[in-house]
Amino acid sequence: MNVETLSRTVKLGYAGAVGLREVKAARTRDHIVDVAIELFIAQGYDQTTMEQIAEKAEVAPSTLYRYFASKDLLVLDRLLVLTDLDDALESRPADEPVGDSLTMVLRDCLESFVDDPRNTAVRQIIDEAPALRTRLFDISTESFKAFERALAKRMAVPPDDVRAMMTARMALQVFEIVADRWWRGDHSESRTDILNDVLTALADQGVVLPTPLDRVTSAPRP
């Protein structure tokens, strides 16, 4: 388990599953991110140096670089919760139904989001920097591929199996719908409750998929 995953594990209340040293490392990492965000907002992303962050966080530069190899990872950190999906899935009990595991993974990832009033400002920093948007896209793409592989393994099918690929994409879409509904709402309803509402609607009403061409009856084939 890497320190990024450890950090989110501690936030989710699973600190007892790891050692005290690891918990301390995760908390140090979160402190560094908090300080970096403060500086990015106060003086600008480009104007903030890694040395300034280390000084403000009261850690040695070598310690900072051990946690974050580059500055862009600091500003992107709060948006990278989905990069843990593969680890989260692999940590679920082996005999747990796949659908149940996916629900618990989505719930835990949604609840691990940090409700920080500065998130809007961080999002604006990223939106205004093409390099940061590209970096976020690249990291998210690689992480999703890892999730697809972990899911295919759990389903005992090849990585390119269409069922595993669609299941992974559906799970991601559910996550995005829930996050969007929570963000646009008044936050009186928990993300877990919204997740349950969305999953209940899908289970009760189903999802319409495109009909195979050889079964289409409403229009003649070309």
C-alpha atoms as a PDB file:
ATOM      1  CA  MET A   1       0.000   0.000   0.000  1.00  0.00           C
ATOM      2  CA  ASN A   2       1.538   3.331  -1.044  1.00  0.00           C
ATOM      3  CA  VAL A   3       1.393   6.499   1.039  1.00  0.00           C
ATOM      4  CA  GLU A   4      -1.344   8.016  -1.142  1.00  0.00           C
ATOM      5  CA  THR A   5      -3.601   5.049  -0.472  1.00  0.00           C
ATOM      6  CA  LEU A   6      -2.618   5.095   3.189  1.00  0.00           C
ATOM      7  CA  SER A   7      -3.661   8.718   3.424  1.00  0.00           C
ATOM      8  CA  ARG A   8      -7.158   7.935   2.178  1.00  0.00           C
ATOM      9  CA  THR A   9      -7.286   4.809   4.346  1.00  0.00           C
ATOM     10  CA  VAL A  10      -6.718   6.918   7.442  1.00  0.00           C
ATOM     11  CA  LYS A  11      -9.433   9.380   6.366  1.00  0.00           C
ATOM     12  CA  LEU A  12     -11.880   6.519   5.990  1.00  0.00           C
ATOM     13  CA  GLY A  13     -11.278   5.449   9.575  1.00  0.00           C
ATOM     14  CA  TYR A  14      -9.256   2.340   8.867  1.00  0.00           C
ATOM     15  CA  ALA A  15      -6.152   3.556  10.691  1.00  0.00           C
ATOM     16  CA  GLY A  16      -6.189   0.452  12.868  1.00  0.00           C
ATOM     17  CA  ALA A  17      -5.429  -1.643   9.783  1.00  0.00           C
ATOM     18  CA  VAL A  18      -1.977  -0.038   9.406  1.00  0.00           C
ATOM     19  CA  GLY A  19       0.890   0.724  11.748  1.00  0.00           C
ATOM     20  CA  LEU A  20       1.442   3.934  13.702  1.00  0.00           C
ATOM     21  CA  ARG A  21       4.404   4.847  11.508  1.00  0.00           C
ATOM     22  CA  GLU A  22       2.300   4.588   8.376  1.00  0.00           C
ATOM     23  CA  VAL A  23      -0.500   6.638   9.927  1.00  0.00           C
ATOM     24  CA  LYS A  24       1.980   9.367  10.846  1.00  0.00           C
ATOM     25  CA  ALA A  25       3.356   9.379   7.297  1.00  0.00           C
ATOM     26  CA  ALA A  26      -0.156   9.709   5.865  1.00  0.00           C
ATOM     27  CA  ARG A  27      -0.933  12.615   8.147  1.00  0.00           C
ATOM     28  CA  THR A  28       2.341  14.345   7.278  1.00  0.00           C
ATOM     29  CA  ARG A  29       1.437  13.972   3.628  1.00  0.00           C
ATOM     30  CA  ASP A  30      -2.005  15.509   4.191  1.00  0.00           C
ATOM     31  CA  HIS A  31      -0.430  18.409   6.098  1.00  0.00           C
ATOM     32  CA  ILE A  32       1.906  19.108   3.185  1.00  0.00           C
ATOM     33  CA  VAL A  33      -1.029  19.131   0.756  1.00  0.00           C
ATOM     34  CA  ASP A  34      -2.978  21.499   3.013  1.00  0.00           C
ATOM     35  CA  VAL A  35      -0.069  23.934   3.200  1.00  0.00           C
ATOM     36  CA  ALA A  36       0.555  23.750  -0.543  1.00  0.00           C
ATOM     37  CA  ILE A  37      -3.072  24.534  -1.354  1.00  0.00           C
ATOM     38  CA  GLU A  38      -2.943  27.529   0.976  1.00  0.00           C
ATOM     39  CA  LEU A  39       0.120  28.878  -0.824  1.00  0.00           C
ATOM     40  CA  PHE A  40      -1.220  28.157  -4.315  1.00  0.00           C
ATOM     41  CA  ILE A  41      -4.364  30.153  -3.583  1.00  0.00           C
ATOM     42  CA  ALA A  42      -2.554  32.993  -1.805  1.00  0.00           C
ATOM     43  CA  GLN A  43       0.251  33.637  -4.276  1.00  0.00           C
ATOM     44  CA  GLY A  44      -0.488  31.570  -7.406  1.00  0.00           C
ATOM     45  CA  TYR A  45       0.521  28.115  -8.571  1.00  0.00           C
ATOM     46  CA  ASP A  46       3.382  29.219 -10.838  1.00  0.00           C
ATOM     47  CA  GLN A  47       4.733  31.623  -8.229  1.00  0.00           C
ATOM     48  CA  THR A  48       4.893  28.964  -5.501  1.00  0.00           C
ATOM     49  CA  THR A  49       8.054  26.888  -5.244  1.00  0.00           C
ATOM     50  CA  MET A  50       8.611  23.512  -3.667  1.00  0.00           C
ATOM     51  CA  GLU A  51      11.114  25.144  -1.315  1.00  0.00           C
ATOM     52  CA  GLN A  52       8.437  27.570  -0.070  1.00  0.00           C
ATOM     53  CA  ILE A  53       6.051  24.688   0.519  1.00  0.00           C
ATOM     54  CA  ALA A  54       8.669  22.742   2.476  1.00  0.00           C
ATOM     55  CA  GLU A  55       9.474  25.765   4.618  1.00  0.00           C
ATOM     56  CA  LYS A  56       5.808  26.552   5.335  1.00  0.00           C
ATOM     57  CA  ALA A  57       5.051  22.895   6.126  1.00  0.00           C
ATOM     58  CA  GLU A  58       8.154  22.720   8.357  1.00  0.00           C
ATOM     59  CA  VAL A  59       9.599  19.713   6.586  1.00  0.00           C
ATOM     60  CA  ALA A  60      12.914  19.237   4.839  1.00  0.00           C
ATOM     61  CA  PRO A  61      12.883  19.614   1.031  1.00  0.00           C
ATOM     62  CA  SER A  62      14.024  15.998   0.783  1.00  0.00           C
ATOM     63  CA  THR A  63      10.981  14.949   2.809  1.00  0.00           C
ATOM     64  CA  LEU A  64       8.672  16.932   0.542  1.00  0.00           C
ATOM     65  CA  TYR A  65      10.132  15.331  -2.587  1.00  0.00           C
ATOM     66  CA  ARG A  66       9.824  11.894  -1.006  1.00  0.00           C
ATOM     67  CA  TYR A  67       6.062  12.416  -0.769  1.00  0.00           C
ATOM     68  CA  PHE A  68       5.608  14.428  -3.972  1.00  0.00           C
ATOM     69  CA  ALA A  69       8.053  14.096  -6.854  1.00  0.00           C
ATOM     70  CA  SER A  70       6.649  17.191  -8.577  1.00  0.00           C
ATOM     71  CA  LYS A  71       4.565  20.255  -7.733  1.00  0.00           C
ATOM     72  CA  ASP A  72       1.655  19.309  -9.982  1.00  0.00           C
ATOM     73  CA  LEU A  73       0.904  16.261  -7.818  1.00  0.00           C
ATOM     74  CA  LEU A  74       0.290  18.579  -4.862  1.00  0.00           C
ATOM     75  CA  VAL A  75      -2.403  20.640  -6.543  1.00  0.00           C
ATOM     76  CA  LEU A  76      -4.026  17.559  -8.089  1.00  0.00           C
ATOM     77  CA  ASP A  77      -4.026  15.468  -4.920  1.00  0.00           C
ATOM     78  CA  ARG A  78      -7.570  16.210  -3.732  1.00  0.00           C
ATOM     79  CA  LEU A  79      -8.965  15.218  -7.145  1.00  0.00           C
ATOM     80  CA  LEU A  80      -7.194  11.871  -7.347  1.00  0.00           C
ATOM     81  CA  VAL A  81      -9.490   9.852  -5.100  1.00  0.00           C
ATOM     82  CA  LEU A  82     -10.480   7.662  -8.056  1.00  0.00           C
ATOM     83  CA  THR A  83      -6.886   6.552  -8.509  1.00  0.00           C
ATOM     84  CA  ASP A  84      -7.394   4.208  -5.564  1.00  0.00           C
ATOM     85  CA  LEU A  85     -10.240   2.197  -7.085  1.00  0.00           C
ATOM     86  CA  ASP A  86      -8.086  -0.787  -8.007  1.00  0.00           C
ATOM     87  CA  ASP A  87      -6.502  -0.986  -4.547  1.00  0.00           C
ATOM     88  CA  ALA A  88      -9.893  -0.529  -2.909  1.00  0.00           C
ATOM     89  CA  LEU A  89     -11.423  -3.325  -4.986  1.00  0.00           C
ATOM     90  CA  GLU A  90      -8.549  -5.699  -4.305  1.00  0.00           C
ATOM     91  CA  SER A  91      -8.884  -5.064  -0.563  1.00  0.00           C
ATOM     92  CA  ARG A  92     -12.487  -6.323  -0.476  1.00  0.00           C
ATOM     93  CA  PRO A  93     -13.153  -9.903   0.786  1.00  0.00           C
ATOM     94  CA  ALA A  94     -12.542 -12.465  -1.948  1.00  0.00           C
ATOM     95  CA  ASP A  95     -15.897 -14.178  -1.359  1.00  0.00           C
ATOM     96  CA  GLU A  96     -17.914 -10.953  -1.511  1.00  0.00           C
ATOM     97  CA  PRO A  97     -20.193 -10.632  -4.572  1.00  0.00           C
ATOM     98  CA  VAL A  98     -18.655  -8.347  -7.180  1.00  0.00           C
ATOM     99  CA  GLY A  99     -21.650  -6.011  -7.165  1.00  0.00           C
ATOM    100  CA  ASP A 100     -21.443  -5.629  -3.392  1.00  0.00           C
ATOM    101  CA  SER A 101     -17.722  -4.946  -3.595  1.00  0.00           C
ATOM    102  CA  LEU A 102     -18.254  -2.239  -6.204  1.00  0.00           C
ATOM    103  CA  THR A 103     -20.881  -0.556  -4.041  1.00  0.00           C
ATOM    104  CA  MET A 104     -18.586  -0.490  -1.027  1.00  0.00           C
ATOM    105  CA  VAL A 105     -15.676   0.787  -3.112  1.00  0.00           C
ATOM    106  CA  LEU A 106     -17.798   3.608  -4.526  1.00  0.00           C
ATOM    107  CA  ARG A 107     -19.137   4.485  -1.090  1.00  0.00           C
ATOM    108  CA  ASP A 108     -15.691   4.609   0.477  1.00  0.00           C
ATOM    109  CA  CYS A 109     -14.198   6.669  -2.337  1.00  0.00           C
ATOM    110  CA  LEU A 110     -17.088   9.137  -2.272  1.00  0.00           C
ATOM    111  CA  GLU A 111     -16.840   9.556   1.484  1.00  0.00           C
ATOM    112  CA  SER A 112     -13.063  10.034   1.307  1.00  0.00           C
ATOM    113  CA  PHE A 113     -13.459  13.352  -0.492  1.00  0.00           C
ATOM    114  CA  VAL A 114     -12.216  16.224   1.641  1.00  0.00           C
ATOM    115  CA  ASP A 115     -14.980  18.815   2.083  1.00  0.00           C
ATOM    116  CA  ASP A 116     -12.695  21.818   1.828  1.00  0.00           C
ATOM    117  CA  PRO A 117     -14.155  25.244   0.949  1.00  0.00           C
ATOM    118  CA  ARG A 118     -10.964  25.847  -1.036  1.00  0.00           C
ATOM    119  CA  ASN A 119     -11.774  23.083  -3.526  1.00  0.00           C
ATOM    120  CA  THR A 120     -13.445  25.518  -5.927  1.00  0.00           C
ATOM    121  CA  ALA A 121     -10.313  27.671  -5.986  1.00  0.00           C
ATOM    122  CA  VAL A 122      -8.146  24.597  -6.578  1.00  0.00           C
ATOM    123  CA  ARG A 123     -10.389  23.529  -9.435  1.00  0.00           C
ATOM    124  CA  GLN A 124     -10.013  26.988 -10.971  1.00  0.00           C
ATOM    125  CA  ILE A 125      -6.221  26.758 -10.743  1.00  0.00           C
ATOM    126  CA  ILE A 126      -6.320  23.459 -12.625  1.00  0.00           C
ATOM    127  CA  ASP A 127      -8.807  24.701 -15.216  1.00  0.00           C
ATOM    128  CA  GLU A 128      -6.575  27.663 -16.032  1.00  0.00           C
ATOM    129  CA  ALA A 129      -3.457  25.533 -16.533  1.00  0.00           C
ATOM    130  CA  PRO A 130      -3.484  23.245 -19.622  1.00  0.00           C
ATOM    131  CA  ALA A 131      -0.483  21.302 -18.313  1.00  0.00           C
ATOM    132  CA  LEU A 132      -2.314  20.467 -15.084  1.00  0.00           C
ATOM    133  CA  ARG A 133      -5.438  19.370 -16.969  1.00  0.00           C
ATOM    134  CA  THR A 134      -3.324  17.123 -19.186  1.00  0.00           C
ATOM    135  CA  ARG A 135      -1.545  15.654 -16.183  1.00  0.00           C
ATOM    136  CA  LEU A 136      -4.859  14.981 -14.439  1.00  0.00           C
ATOM    137  CA  PHE A 137      -6.214  13.279 -17.552  1.00  0.00           C
ATOM    138  CA  ASP A 138      -3.122  11.085 -17.935  1.00  0.00           C
ATOM    139  CA  ILE A 139      -3.147   9.988 -14.290  1.00  0.00           C
ATOM    140  CA  SER A 140      -6.889   9.324 -14.335  1.00  0.00           C
ATOM    141  CA  THR A 141      -6.630   7.300 -17.555  1.00  0.00           C
ATOM    142  CA  GLU A 142      -3.872   5.058 -16.229  1.00  0.00           C
ATOM    143  CA  SER A 143      -5.694   4.610 -12.923  1.00  0.00           C
ATOM    144  CA  PHE A 144      -8.906   3.624 -14.675  1.00  0.00           C
ATOM    145  CA  LYS A 145      -7.037   1.022 -16.719  1.00  0.00           C
ATOM    146  CA  ALA A 146      -5.698  -0.425 -13.467  1.00  0.00           C
ATOM    147  CA  PHE A 147      -9.250  -0.536 -12.108  1.00  0.00           C
ATOM    148  CA  GLU A 148     -10.446  -2.356 -15.236  1.00  0.00           C
ATOM    149  CA  ARG A 149      -7.709  -4.947 -14.807  1.00  0.00           C
ATOM    150  CA  ALA A 150      -8.519  -5.434 -11.129  1.00  0.00           C
ATOM    151  CA  LEU A 151     -12.214  -5.802 -11.918  1.00  0.00           C
ATOM    152  CA  ALA A 152     -11.596  -8.301 -14.724  1.00  0.00           C
ATOM    153  CA  LYS A 153      -9.452 -10.361 -12.357  1.00  0.00           C
ATOM    154  CA  ARG A 154     -12.208 -10.268  -9.749  1.00  0.00           C
ATOM    155  CA  MET A 155     -14.767 -11.349 -12.370  1.00  0.00           C
ATOM    156  CA  ALA A 156     -12.404 -14.110 -13.580  1.00  0.00           C
ATOM    157  CA  VAL A 157     -12.469 -12.867 -17.172  1.00  0.00           C
ATOM    158  CA  PRO A 158      -9.768 -11.536 -19.538  1.00  0.00           C
ATOM    159  CA  PRO A 159      -8.868  -7.820 -19.166  1.00  0.00           C
ATOM    160  CA  ASP A 160     -10.419  -7.053 -22.568  1.00  0.00           C
ATOM    161  CA  ASP A 161     -13.719  -8.783 -21.763  1.00  0.00           C
ATOM    162  CA  VAL A 162     -16.527  -6.428 -22.730  1.00  0.00           C
ATOM    163  CA  ARG A 163     -18.485  -7.220 -19.568  1.00  0.00           C
ATOM    164  CA  ALA A 164     -15.624  -6.138 -17.326  1.00  0.00           C
ATOM    165  CA  MET A 165     -15.012  -3.037 -19.422  1.00  0.00           C
ATOM    166  CA  MET A 166     -18.681  -2.000 -19.319  1.00  0.00           C
ATOM    167  CA  THR A 167     -18.995  -2.766 -15.614  1.00  0.00           C
ATOM    168  CA  ALA A 168     -15.988  -0.578 -14.868  1.00  0.00           C
ATOM    169  CA  ARG A 169     -17.357   2.275 -16.965  1.00  0.00           C
ATOM    170  CA  MET A 170     -20.786   1.989 -15.356  1.00  0.00           C
ATOM    171  CA  ALA A 171     -19.212   2.171 -11.912  1.00  0.00           C
ATOM    172  CA  LEU A 172     -17.293   5.292 -12.899  1.00  0.00           C
ATOM    173  CA  GLN A 173     -20.440   6.896 -14.308  1.00  0.00           C
ATOM    174  CA  VAL A 174     -22.332   6.150 -11.100  1.00  0.00           C
ATOM    175  CA  PHE A 175     -19.536   7.808  -9.141  1.00  0.00           C
ATOM    176  CA  GLU A 176     -19.674  10.918 -11.344  1.00  0.00           C
ATOM    177  CA  ILE A 177     -23.475  11.166 -11.176  1.00  0.00           C
ATOM    178  CA  VAL A 178     -23.460  10.919  -7.390  1.00  0.00           C
ATOM    179  CA  ALA A 179     -20.636  13.426  -7.009  1.00  0.00           C
ATOM    180  CA  ASP A 180     -22.374  15.857  -9.359  1.00  0.00           C
ATOM    181  CA  ARG A 181     -25.725  15.575  -7.569  1.00  0.00           C
ATOM    182  CA  TRP A 182     -24.095  16.116  -4.213  1.00  0.00           C
ATOM    183  CA  TRP A 183     -22.072  19.077  -5.452  1.00  0.00           C
ATOM    184  CA  ARG A 184     -25.118  20.759  -7.023  1.00  0.00           C
ATOM    185  CA  GLY A 185     -27.345  20.112  -4.010  1.00  0.00           C
ATOM    186  CA  ASP A 186     -27.498  21.791  -0.626  1.00  0.00           C
ATOM    187  CA  HIS A 187     -25.374  19.039   0.979  1.00  0.00           C
ATOM    188  CA  SER A 188     -28.202  18.132   3.366  1.00  0.00           C
ATOM    189  CA  GLU A 189     -28.115  14.590   1.977  1.00  0.00           C
ATOM    190  CA  SER A 190     -24.996  12.500   2.389  1.00  0.00           C
ATOM    191  CA  ARG A 191     -23.110  11.156  -0.608  1.00  0.00           C
ATOM    192  CA  THR A 192     -23.821   7.652   0.670  1.00  0.00           C
ATOM    193  CA  ASP A 193     -27.575   8.317   0.594  1.00  0.00           C
ATOM    194  CA  ILE A 194     -27.361   9.759  -2.911  1.00  0.00           C
ATOM    195  CA  LEU A 195     -25.347   6.727  -4.008  1.00  0.00           C
ATOM    196  CA  ASN A 196     -28.023   4.420  -2.649  1.00  0.00           C
ATOM    197  CA  ASP A 197     -30.763   6.392  -4.433  1.00  0.00           C
ATOM    198  CA  VAL A 198     -28.922   6.168  -7.762  1.00  0.00           C
ATOM    199  CA  LEU A 199     -28.154   2.464  -7.397  1.00  0.00           C
ATOM    200  CA  THR A 200     -31.739   1.730  -6.341  1.00  0.00           C
ATOM    201  CA  ALA A 201     -33.088   3.541  -9.394  1.00  0.00           C
ATOM    202  CA  LEU A 202     -30.774   1.584 -11.680  1.00  0.00           C
ATOM    203  CA  ALA A 203     -31.661  -1.723 -10.024  1.00  0.00           C
ATOM    204  CA  ASP A 204     -35.418  -1.083 -10.096  1.00  0.00           C
ATOM    205  CA  GLN A 205     -35.710   0.567 -13.503  1.00  0.00           C
ATOM    206  CA  GLY A 206     -32.798  -0.976 -15.360  1.00  0.00           C
ATOM    207  CA  VAL A 207     -30.536   0.495 -18.026  1.00  0.00           C
ATOM    208  CA  VAL A 208     -31.433   0.560 -21.716  1.00  0.00           C
ATOM    209  CA  LEU A 209     -28.580  -0.757 -23.869  1.00  0.00           C
ATOM    210  CA  PRO A 210     -28.351  -0.526 -27.663  1.00  0.00           C
ATOM    211  CA  THR A 211     -30.002  -3.496 -29.369  1.00  0.00           C
ATOM    212  CA  PRO A 212     -27.742  -5.832 -31.387  1.00  0.00           C
ATOM    213  CA  LEU A 213     -28.099  -5.062 -35.087  1.00  0.00           C
ATOM    214  CA  ASP A 214     -29.421  -8.483 -35.965  1.00  0.00           C
ATOM    215  CA  ARG A 215     -32.233  -8.013 -33.447  1.00  0.00           C
ATOM    216  CA  VAL A 216     -33.363  -4.551 -34.497  1.00  0.00           C
ATOM    217  CA  THR A 217     -36.939  -4.725 -35.800  1.00  0.00           C
ATOM    218  CA  SER A 218     -37.995  -1.071 -35.918  1.00  0.00           C
ATOM    219  CA  ALA A 219     -36.051  -0.163 -39.052  1.00  0.00           C
ATOM    220  CA  PRO A 220     -34.729  -2.013 -42.108  1.00  0.00           C
ATOM    221  CA  ARG A 221     -31.062  -2.770 -42.292  1.00  0.00           C
ATOM    222  CA  PRO A 222     -28.980  -0.728 -44.741  1.00  0.00           C
END
